[in-house]
mmCIF file of all heavy atoms, coordinates in Angstrom:
data_MODEL
# 
_entry.id   MODEL 
# 
loop_
_atom_site.group_PDB 
_atom_site.id 
_atom_site.type_symbol 
_atom_site.label_atom_id 
_atom_site.label_alt_id 
_atom_site.label_comp_id 
_atom_site.label_asym_id 
_atom_site.label_entity_id 
_atom_site.label_seq_id 
_atom_site.pdbx_PDB_ins_code 
_atom_site.Cartn_x 
_atom_site.Cartn_y 
_atom_site.Cartn_z 
_atom_site.occupancy 
_atom_site.B_iso_or_equiv 
_atom_site.pdbx_formal_charge 
_atom_site.auth_seq_id 
_atom_site.auth_comp_id 
_atom_site.auth_asym_id 
_atom_site.auth_atom_id 
_atom_site.pdbx_PDB_model_num 
ATOM 1   N N   . VAL A 1 1  ? -151.380 176.534 41.128 1.00 0.00 ? 1  VAL A N   1 
ATOM 2   C CA  . VAL A 1 1  ? -150.840 177.350 42.215 1.00 0.00 ? 1  VAL A CA  1 
ATOM 3   C C   . VAL A 1 1  ? -149.377 177.694 41.943 1.00 0.00 ? 1  VAL A C   1 
ATOM 4   O O   . VAL A 1 1  ? -148.944 178.851 42.094 1.00 0.00 ? 1  VAL A O   1 
ATOM 5   C CB  . VAL A 1 1  ? -150.965 176.612 43.569 1.00 0.00 ? 1  VAL A CB  1 
ATOM 6   C CG1 . VAL A 1 1  ? -150.186 177.355 44.657 1.00 0.00 ? 1  VAL A CG1 1 
ATOM 7   C CG2 . VAL A 1 1  ? -152.425 176.491 43.967 1.00 0.00 ? 1  VAL A CG2 1 
ATOM 8   N N   . HIS A 1 2  ? -148.603 176.691 41.516 1.00 0.00 ? 2  HIS A N   1 
ATOM 9   C CA  . HIS A 1 2  ? -147.185 176.922 41.226 1.00 0.00 ? 2  HIS A CA  1 
ATOM 10  C C   . HIS A 1 2  ? -147.015 177.870 40.042 1.00 0.00 ? 2  HIS A C   1 
ATOM 11  O O   . HIS A 1 2  ? -146.125 178.738 40.048 1.00 0.00 ? 2  HIS A O   1 
ATOM 12  C CB  . HIS A 1 2  ? -146.482 175.594 40.942 1.00 0.00 ? 2  HIS A CB  1 
ATOM 13  C CG  . HIS A 1 2  ? -146.281 174.741 42.157 1.00 0.00 ? 2  HIS A CG  1 
ATOM 14  N ND1 . HIS A 1 2  ? -145.664 175.203 43.297 1.00 0.00 ? 2  HIS A ND1 1 
ATOM 15  C CD2 . HIS A 1 2  ? -146.613 173.448 42.406 1.00 0.00 ? 2  HIS A CD2 1 
ATOM 16  C CE1 . HIS A 1 2  ? -145.614 174.231 44.206 1.00 0.00 ? 2  HIS A CE1 1 
ATOM 17  N NE2 . HIS A 1 2  ? -146.193 173.162 43.683 1.00 0.00 ? 2  HIS A NE2 1 
ATOM 18  N N   . LEU A 1 3  ? -147.853 177.725 39.031 1.00 0.00 ? 3  LEU A N   1 
ATOM 19  C CA  . LEU A 1 3  ? -147.758 178.601 37.861 1.00 0.00 ? 3  LEU A CA  1 
ATOM 20  C C   . LEU A 1 3  ? -148.086 180.046 38.232 1.00 0.00 ? 3  LEU A C   1 
ATOM 21  O O   . LEU A 1 3  ? -147.394 180.979 37.802 1.00 0.00 ? 3  LEU A O   1 
ATOM 22  C CB  . LEU A 1 3  ? -148.701 178.119 36.760 1.00 0.00 ? 3  LEU A CB  1 
ATOM 23  C CG  . LEU A 1 3  ? -148.246 176.896 35.958 1.00 0.00 ? 3  LEU A CG  1 
ATOM 24  C CD1 . LEU A 1 3  ? -149.320 176.489 34.959 1.00 0.00 ? 3  LEU A CD1 1 
ATOM 25  C CD2 . LEU A 1 3  ? -146.937 177.180 35.230 1.00 0.00 ? 3  LEU A CD2 1 
ATOM 26  N N   . THR A 1 4  ? -149.115 180.223 39.023 1.00 0.00 ? 4  THR A N   1 
ATOM 27  C CA  . THR A 1 4  ? -149.503 181.579 39.432 1.00 0.00 ? 4  THR A CA  1 
ATOM 28  C C   . THR A 1 4  ? -148.376 182.260 40.202 1.00 0.00 ? 4  THR A C   1 
ATOM 29  O O   . THR A 1 4  ? -148.036 183.426 39.950 1.00 0.00 ? 4  THR A O   1 
ATOM 30  C CB  . THR A 1 4  ? -150.766 181.536 40.310 1.00 0.00 ? 4  THR A CB  1 
ATOM 31  O OG1 . THR A 1 4  ? -151.841 180.971 39.552 1.00 0.00 ? 4  THR A OG1 1 
ATOM 32  C CG2 . THR A 1 4  ? -151.160 182.932 40.770 1.00 0.00 ? 4  THR A CG2 1 
ATOM 33  N N   . ALA A 1 5  ? -147.763 181.513 41.119 1.00 0.00 ? 5  ALA A N   1 
ATOM 34  C CA  . ALA A 1 5  ? -146.663 182.065 41.908 1.00 0.00 ? 5  ALA A CA  1 
ATOM 35  C C   . ALA A 1 5  ? -145.444 182.362 41.031 1.00 0.00 ? 5  ALA A C   1 
ATOM 36  O O   . ALA A 1 5  ? -144.782 183.391 41.186 1.00 0.00 ? 5  ALA A O   1 
ATOM 37  C CB  . ALA A 1 5  ? -146.284 181.088 43.018 1.00 0.00 ? 5  ALA A CB  1 
ATOM 38  N N   . ALA A 1 6  ? -145.170 181.464 40.078 1.00 0.00 ? 6  ALA A N   1 
ATOM 39  C CA  . ALA A 1 6  ? -144.025 181.661 39.185 1.00 0.00 ? 6  ALA A CA  1 
ATOM 40  C C   . ALA A 1 6  ? -144.252 182.855 38.267 1.00 0.00 ? 6  ALA A C   1 
ATOM 41  O O   . ALA A 1 6  ? -143.328 183.645 38.012 1.00 0.00 ? 6  ALA A O   1 
ATOM 42  C CB  . ALA A 1 6  ? -143.788 180.395 38.367 1.00 0.00 ? 6  ALA A CB  1 
ATOM 43  N N   . PHE A 1 7  ? -145.482 182.997 37.761 1.00 0.00 ? 7  PHE A N   1 
ATOM 44  C CA  . PHE A 1 7  ? -145.798 184.151 36.909 1.00 0.00 ? 7  PHE A CA  1 
ATOM 45  C C   . PHE A 1 7  ? -145.540 185.445 37.676 1.00 0.00 ? 7  PHE A C   1 
ATOM 46  O O   . PHE A 1 7  ? -145.009 186.413 37.131 1.00 0.00 ? 7  PHE A O   1 
ATOM 47  C CB  . PHE A 1 7  ? -147.263 184.105 36.470 1.00 0.00 ? 7  PHE A CB  1 
ATOM 48  C CG  . PHE A 1 7  ? -147.559 183.092 35.401 1.00 0.00 ? 7  PHE A CG  1 
ATOM 49  C CD1 . PHE A 1 7  ? -146.619 182.157 35.008 1.00 0.00 ? 7  PHE A CD1 1 
ATOM 50  C CD2 . PHE A 1 7  ? -148.804 183.055 34.786 1.00 0.00 ? 7  PHE A CD2 1 
ATOM 51  C CE1 . PHE A 1 7  ? -146.896 181.220 34.023 1.00 0.00 ? 7  PHE A CE1 1 
ATOM 52  C CE2 . PHE A 1 7  ? -149.097 182.132 33.802 1.00 0.00 ? 7  PHE A CE2 1 
ATOM 53  C CZ  . PHE A 1 7  ? -148.142 181.200 33.424 1.00 0.00 ? 7  PHE A CZ  1 
ATOM 54  N N   . ARG A 1 8  ? -145.931 185.460 38.959 1.00 0.00 ? 8  ARG A N   1 
ATOM 55  C CA  . ARG A 1 8  ? -145.766 186.659 39.773 1.00 0.00 ? 8  ARG A CA  1 
ATOM 56  C C   . ARG A 1 8  ? -144.275 186.971 39.954 1.00 0.00 ? 8  ARG A C   1 
ATOM 57  O O   . ARG A 1 8  ? -143.852 188.131 39.856 1.00 0.00 ? 8  ARG A O   1 
ATOM 58  C CB  . ARG A 1 8  ? -146.443 186.466 41.129 1.00 0.00 ? 8  ARG A CB  1 
ATOM 59  C CG  . ARG A 1 8  ? -146.447 187.717 42.002 1.00 0.00 ? 8  ARG A CG  1 
ATOM 60  C CD  . ARG A 1 8  ? -147.128 187.469 43.334 1.00 0.00 ? 8  ARG A CD  1 
ATOM 61  N NE  . ARG A 1 8  ? -148.512 187.015 43.162 1.00 0.00 ? 8  ARG A NE  1 
ATOM 62  C CZ  . ARG A 1 8  ? -148.952 185.820 43.496 1.00 0.00 ? 8  ARG A CZ  1 
ATOM 63  N NH1 . ARG A 1 8  ? -148.123 184.946 44.023 1.00 0.00 ? 8  ARG A NH1 1 
ATOM 64  N NH2 . ARG A 1 8  ? -150.208 185.487 43.317 1.00 0.00 ? 8  ARG A NH2 1 
ATOM 65  N N   . GLN A 1 9  ? -143.477 185.929 40.208 1.00 0.00 ? 9  GLN A N   1 
ATOM 66  C CA  . GLN A 1 9  ? -142.043 186.136 40.403 1.00 0.00 ? 9  GLN A CA  1 
ATOM 67  C C   . GLN A 1 9  ? -141.370 186.646 39.133 1.00 0.00 ? 9  GLN A C   1 
ATOM 68  O O   . GLN A 1 9  ? -140.467 187.484 39.177 1.00 0.00 ? 9  GLN A O   1 
ATOM 69  C CB  . GLN A 1 9  ? -141.376 184.827 40.833 1.00 0.00 ? 9  GLN A CB  1 
ATOM 70  C CG  . GLN A 1 9  ? -141.714 184.380 42.247 1.00 0.00 ? 9  GLN A CG  1 
ATOM 71  C CD  . GLN A 1 9  ? -140.963 185.177 43.310 1.00 0.00 ? 9  GLN A CD  1 
ATOM 72  O OE1 . GLN A 1 9  ? -140.346 186.194 43.025 1.00 0.00 ? 9  GLN A OE1 1 
ATOM 73  N NE2 . GLN A 1 9  ? -141.048 184.724 44.545 1.00 0.00 ? 9  GLN A NE2 1 
ATOM 74  N N   . LEU A 1 10 ? -141.820 186.130 37.980 1.00 0.00 ? 10 LEU A N   1 
ATOM 75  C CA  . LEU A 1 10 ? -141.215 186.515 36.703 1.00 0.00 ? 10 LEU A CA  1 
ATOM 76  C C   . LEU A 1 10 ? -141.807 187.793 36.136 1.00 0.00 ? 10 LEU A C   1 
ATOM 77  O O   . LEU A 1 10 ? -141.283 188.340 35.161 1.00 0.00 ? 10 LEU A O   1 
ATOM 78  C CB  . LEU A 1 10 ? -141.378 185.371 35.687 1.00 0.00 ? 10 LEU A CB  1 
ATOM 79  C CG  . LEU A 1 10 ? -140.622 184.075 36.004 1.00 0.00 ? 10 LEU A CG  1 
ATOM 80  C CD1 . LEU A 1 10 ? -141.012 182.977 35.019 1.00 0.00 ? 10 LEU A CD1 1 
ATOM 81  C CD2 . LEU A 1 10 ? -139.107 184.294 35.962 1.00 0.00 ? 10 LEU A CD2 1 
ATOM 82  N N   . GLY A 1 11 ? -142.922 188.253 36.708 1.00 0.00 ? 11 GLY A N   1 
ATOM 83  C CA  . GLY A 1 11 ? -143.559 189.471 36.225 1.00 0.00 ? 11 GLY A CA  1 
ATOM 84  C C   . GLY A 1 11 ? -144.220 189.298 34.882 1.00 0.00 ? 11 GLY A C   1 
ATOM 85  O O   . GLY A 1 11 ? -144.197 190.204 34.041 1.00 0.00 ? 11 GLY A O   1 
ATOM 86  N N   . VAL A 1 12 ? -144.836 188.121 34.655 1.00 0.00 ? 12 VAL A N   1 
ATOM 87  C CA  . VAL A 1 12 ? -145.489 187.833 33.377 1.00 0.00 ? 12 VAL A CA  1 
ATOM 88  C C   . VAL A 1 12 ? -146.944 187.444 33.642 1.00 0.00 ? 12 VAL A C   1 
ATOM 89  O O   . VAL A 1 12 ? -147.346 187.207 34.781 1.00 0.00 ? 12 VAL A O   1 
ATOM 90  C CB  . VAL A 1 12 ? -144.769 186.711 32.617 1.00 0.00 ? 12 VAL A CB  1 
ATOM 91  C CG1 . VAL A 1 12 ? -143.336 187.117 32.291 1.00 0.00 ? 12 VAL A CG1 1 
ATOM 92  C CG2 . VAL A 1 12 ? -144.774 185.414 33.438 1.00 0.00 ? 12 VAL A CG2 1 
ATOM 93  N N   . HIS A 1 13 ? -147.720 187.345 32.549 1.00 0.00 ? 13 HIS A N   1 
ATOM 94  C CA  . HIS A 1 13 ? -149.150 187.072 32.698 1.00 0.00 ? 13 HIS A CA  1 
ATOM 95  C C   . HIS A 1 13 ? -149.638 185.950 31.773 1.00 0.00 ? 13 HIS A C   1 
ATOM 96  O O   . HIS A 1 13 ? -150.839 185.739 31.665 1.00 0.00 ? 13 HIS A O   1 
ATOM 97  C CB  . HIS A 1 13 ? -149.964 188.339 32.430 1.00 0.00 ? 13 HIS A CB  1 
ATOM 98  C CG  . HIS A 1 13 ? -149.587 189.491 33.312 1.00 0.00 ? 13 HIS A CG  1 
ATOM 99  N ND1 . HIS A 1 13 ? -149.977 189.581 34.627 1.00 0.00 ? 13 HIS A ND1 1 
ATOM 100 C CD2 . HIS A 1 13 ? -148.818 190.582 33.062 1.00 0.00 ? 13 HIS A CD2 1 
ATOM 101 C CE1 . HIS A 1 13 ? -149.491 190.692 35.163 1.00 0.00 ? 13 HIS A CE1 1 
ATOM 102 N NE2 . HIS A 1 13 ? -148.784 191.316 34.237 1.00 0.00 ? 13 HIS A NE2 1 
ATOM 103 N N   . SER A 1 14 ? -148.734 185.250 31.102 1.00 0.00 ? 14 SER A N   1 
ATOM 104 C CA  . SER A 1 14 ? -149.157 184.180 30.201 1.00 0.00 ? 14 SER A CA  1 
ATOM 105 C C   . SER A 1 14 ? -148.117 183.072 30.186 1.00 0.00 ? 14 SER A C   1 
ATOM 106 O O   . SER A 1 14 ? -146.965 183.271 30.583 1.00 0.00 ? 14 SER A O   1 
ATOM 107 C CB  . SER A 1 14 ? -149.354 184.704 28.777 1.00 0.00 ? 14 SER A CB  1 
ATOM 108 O OG  . SER A 1 14 ? -148.110 185.036 28.189 1.00 0.00 ? 14 SER A OG  1 
ATOM 109 N N   . ARG A 1 15 ? -148.551 181.908 29.709 1.00 0.00 ? 15 ARG A N   1 
ATOM 110 C CA  . ARG A 1 15 ? -147.654 180.759 29.626 1.00 0.00 ? 15 ARG A CA  1 
ATOM 111 C C   . ARG A 1 15 ? -146.496 181.020 28.667 1.00 0.00 ? 15 ARG A C   1 
ATOM 112 O O   . ARG A 1 15 ? -145.349 180.690 28.953 1.00 0.00 ? 15 ARG A O   1 
ATOM 113 C CB  . ARG A 1 15 ? -148.441 179.521 29.182 1.00 0.00 ? 15 ARG A CB  1 
ATOM 114 C CG  . ARG A 1 15 ? -149.543 179.129 30.153 1.00 0.00 ? 15 ARG A CG  1 
ATOM 115 C CD  . ARG A 1 15 ? -150.473 178.085 29.555 1.00 0.00 ? 15 ARG A CD  1 
ATOM 116 N NE  . ARG A 1 15 ? -149.856 176.780 29.476 1.00 0.00 ? 15 ARG A NE  1 
ATOM 117 C CZ  . ARG A 1 15 ? -149.906 175.870 30.443 1.00 0.00 ? 15 ARG A CZ  1 
ATOM 118 N NH1 . ARG A 1 15 ? -150.531 176.151 31.583 1.00 0.00 ? 15 ARG A NH1 1 
ATOM 119 N NH2 . ARG A 1 15 ? -149.337 174.696 30.300 1.00 0.00 ? 15 ARG A NH2 1 
ATOM 120 N N   . MET A 1 16 ? -146.803 181.615 27.521 1.00 0.00 ? 16 MET A N   1 
ATOM 121 C CA  . MET A 1 16 ? -145.752 181.905 26.549 1.00 0.00 ? 16 MET A CA  1 
ATOM 122 C C   . MET A 1 16 ? -144.730 182.885 27.107 1.00 0.00 ? 16 MET A C   1 
ATOM 123 O O   . MET A 1 16 ? -143.522 182.719 26.931 1.00 0.00 ? 16 MET A O   1 
ATOM 124 C CB  . MET A 1 16 ? -146.367 182.459 25.259 1.00 0.00 ? 16 MET A CB  1 
ATOM 125 C CG  . MET A 1 16 ? -147.144 181.443 24.442 1.00 0.00 ? 16 MET A CG  1 
ATOM 126 S SD  . MET A 1 16 ? -146.064 180.149 23.756 1.00 0.00 ? 16 MET A SD  1 
ATOM 127 C CE  . MET A 1 16 ? -145.161 181.114 22.550 1.00 0.00 ? 16 MET A CE  1 
ATOM 128 N N   . ALA A 1 17 ? -145.213 183.906 27.814 1.00 0.00 ? 17 ALA A N   1 
ATOM 129 C CA  . ALA A 1 17 ? -144.309 184.902 28.382 1.00 0.00 ? 17 ALA A CA  1 
ATOM 130 C C   . ALA A 1 17 ? -143.442 184.280 29.473 1.00 0.00 ? 17 ALA A C   1 
ATOM 131 O O   . ALA A 1 17 ? -142.252 184.598 29.598 1.00 0.00 ? 17 ALA A O   1 
ATOM 132 C CB  . ALA A 1 17 ? -145.108 186.072 28.941 1.00 0.00 ? 17 ALA A CB  1 
ATOM 133 N N   . ALA A 1 18 ? -144.028 183.379 30.257 1.00 0.00 ? 18 ALA A N   1 
ATOM 134 C CA  . ALA A 1 18 ? -143.266 182.712 31.311 1.00 0.00 ? 18 ALA A CA  1 
ATOM 135 C C   . ALA A 1 18 ? -142.179 181.829 30.720 1.00 0.00 ? 18 ALA A C   1 
ATOM 136 O O   . ALA A 1 18 ? -141.040 181.812 31.201 1.00 0.00 ? 18 ALA A O   1 
ATOM 137 C CB  . ALA A 1 18 ? -144.203 181.874 32.181 1.00 0.00 ? 18 ALA A CB  1 
ATOM 138 N N   . ALA A 1 19 ? -142.518 181.091 29.657 1.00 0.00 ? 19 ALA A N   1 
ATOM 139 C CA  . ALA A 1 19 ? -141.533 180.237 29.004 1.00 0.00 ? 19 ALA A CA  1 
ATOM 140 C C   . ALA A 1 19 ? -140.397 181.074 28.434 1.00 0.00 ? 19 ALA A C   1 
ATOM 141 O O   . ALA A 1 19 ? -139.221 180.727 28.578 1.00 0.00 ? 19 ALA A O   1 
ATOM 142 C CB  . ALA A 1 19 ? -142.198 179.430 27.891 1.00 0.00 ? 19 ALA A CB  1 
ATOM 143 N N   . ALA A 1 20 ? -140.738 182.198 27.802 1.00 0.00 ? 20 ALA A N   1 
ATOM 144 C CA  . ALA A 1 20 ? -139.718 183.071 27.226 1.00 0.00 ? 20 ALA A CA  1 
ATOM 145 C C   . ALA A 1 20 ? -138.830 183.674 28.308 1.00 0.00 ? 20 ALA A C   1 
ATOM 146 O O   . ALA A 1 20 ? -137.607 183.758 28.153 1.00 0.00 ? 20 ALA A O   1 
ATOM 147 C CB  . ALA A 1 20 ? -140.384 184.178 26.410 1.00 0.00 ? 20 ALA A CB  1 
ATOM 148 N N   . ALA A 1 21 ? -139.430 184.070 29.433 1.00 0.00 ? 21 ALA A N   1 
ATOM 149 C CA  . ALA A 1 21 ? -138.671 184.669 30.525 1.00 0.00 ? 21 ALA A CA  1 
ATOM 150 C C   . ALA A 1 21 ? -137.710 183.663 31.134 1.00 0.00 ? 21 ALA A C   1 
ATOM 151 O O   . ALA A 1 21 ? -136.555 183.983 31.443 1.00 0.00 ? 21 ALA A O   1 
ATOM 152 C CB  . ALA A 1 21 ? -139.627 185.194 31.595 1.00 0.00 ? 21 ALA A CB  1 
ATOM 153 N N   . LEU A 1 22 ? -138.174 182.418 31.303 1.00 0.00 ? 22 LEU A N   1 
ATOM 154 C CA  . LEU A 1 22 ? -137.316 181.382 31.872 1.00 0.00 ? 22 LEU A CA  1 
ATOM 155 C C   . LEU A 1 22 ? -136.142 181.093 30.956 1.00 0.00 ? 22 LEU A C   1 
ATOM 156 O O   . LEU A 1 22 ? -135.003 180.978 31.393 1.00 0.00 ? 22 LEU A O   1 
ATOM 157 C CB  . LEU A 1 22 ? -138.126 180.113 32.119 1.00 0.00 ? 22 LEU A CB  1 
ATOM 158 C CG  . LEU A 1 22 ? -137.383 178.990 32.855 1.00 0.00 ? 22 LEU A CG  1 
ATOM 159 C CD1 . LEU A 1 22 ? -137.047 179.405 34.270 1.00 0.00 ? 22 LEU A CD1 1 
ATOM 160 C CD2 . LEU A 1 22 ? -138.212 177.717 32.856 1.00 0.00 ? 22 LEU A CD2 1 
ATOM 161 N N   . GLN A 1 23 ? -136.403 180.980 29.655 1.00 0.00 ? 23 GLN A N   1 
ATOM 162 C CA  . GLN A 1 23 ? -135.337 180.710 28.695 1.00 0.00 ? 23 GLN A CA  1 
ATOM 163 C C   . GLN A 1 23 ? -134.339 181.859 28.657 1.00 0.00 ? 23 GLN A C   1 
ATOM 164 O O   . GLN A 1 23 ? -133.128 181.646 28.583 1.00 0.00 ? 23 GLN A O   1 
ATOM 165 C CB  . GLN A 1 23 ? -135.935 180.470 27.312 1.00 0.00 ? 23 GLN A CB  1 
ATOM 166 C CG  . GLN A 1 23 ? -136.723 179.172 27.219 1.00 0.00 ? 23 GLN A CG  1 
ATOM 167 C CD  . GLN A 1 23 ? -137.417 178.994 25.887 1.00 0.00 ? 23 GLN A CD  1 
ATOM 168 O OE1 . GLN A 1 23 ? -137.396 179.894 25.055 1.00 0.00 ? 23 GLN A OE1 1 
ATOM 169 N NE2 . GLN A 1 23 ? -138.041 177.859 25.685 1.00 0.00 ? 23 GLN A NE2 1 
ATOM 170 N N   . GLN A 1 24 ? -134.830 183.085 28.706 1.00 0.00 ? 24 GLN A N   1 
ATOM 171 C CA  . GLN A 1 24 ? -133.951 184.244 28.649 1.00 0.00 ? 24 GLN A CA  1 
ATOM 172 C C   . GLN A 1 24 ? -133.058 184.309 29.880 1.00 0.00 ? 24 GLN A C   1 
ATOM 173 O O   . GLN A 1 24 ? -131.860 184.577 29.788 1.00 0.00 ? 24 GLN A O   1 
ATOM 174 C CB  . GLN A 1 24 ? -134.769 185.524 28.551 1.00 0.00 ? 24 GLN A CB  1 
ATOM 175 C CG  . GLN A 1 24 ? -133.911 186.794 28.448 1.00 0.00 ? 24 GLN A CG  1 
ATOM 176 C CD  . GLN A 1 24 ? -134.761 188.033 28.307 1.00 0.00 ? 24 GLN A CD  1 
ATOM 177 O OE1 . GLN A 1 24 ? -135.966 188.014 28.567 1.00 0.00 ? 24 GLN A OE1 1 
ATOM 178 N NE2 . GLN A 1 24 ? -134.154 189.115 27.881 1.00 0.00 ? 24 GLN A NE2 1 
# 
């Protein structure tokens, strides 16, 4: 649930993209 919500906030659709967005 937390991952789905975080993906939506970051505008990403995968774990790798979310990690990259957070680091950036």
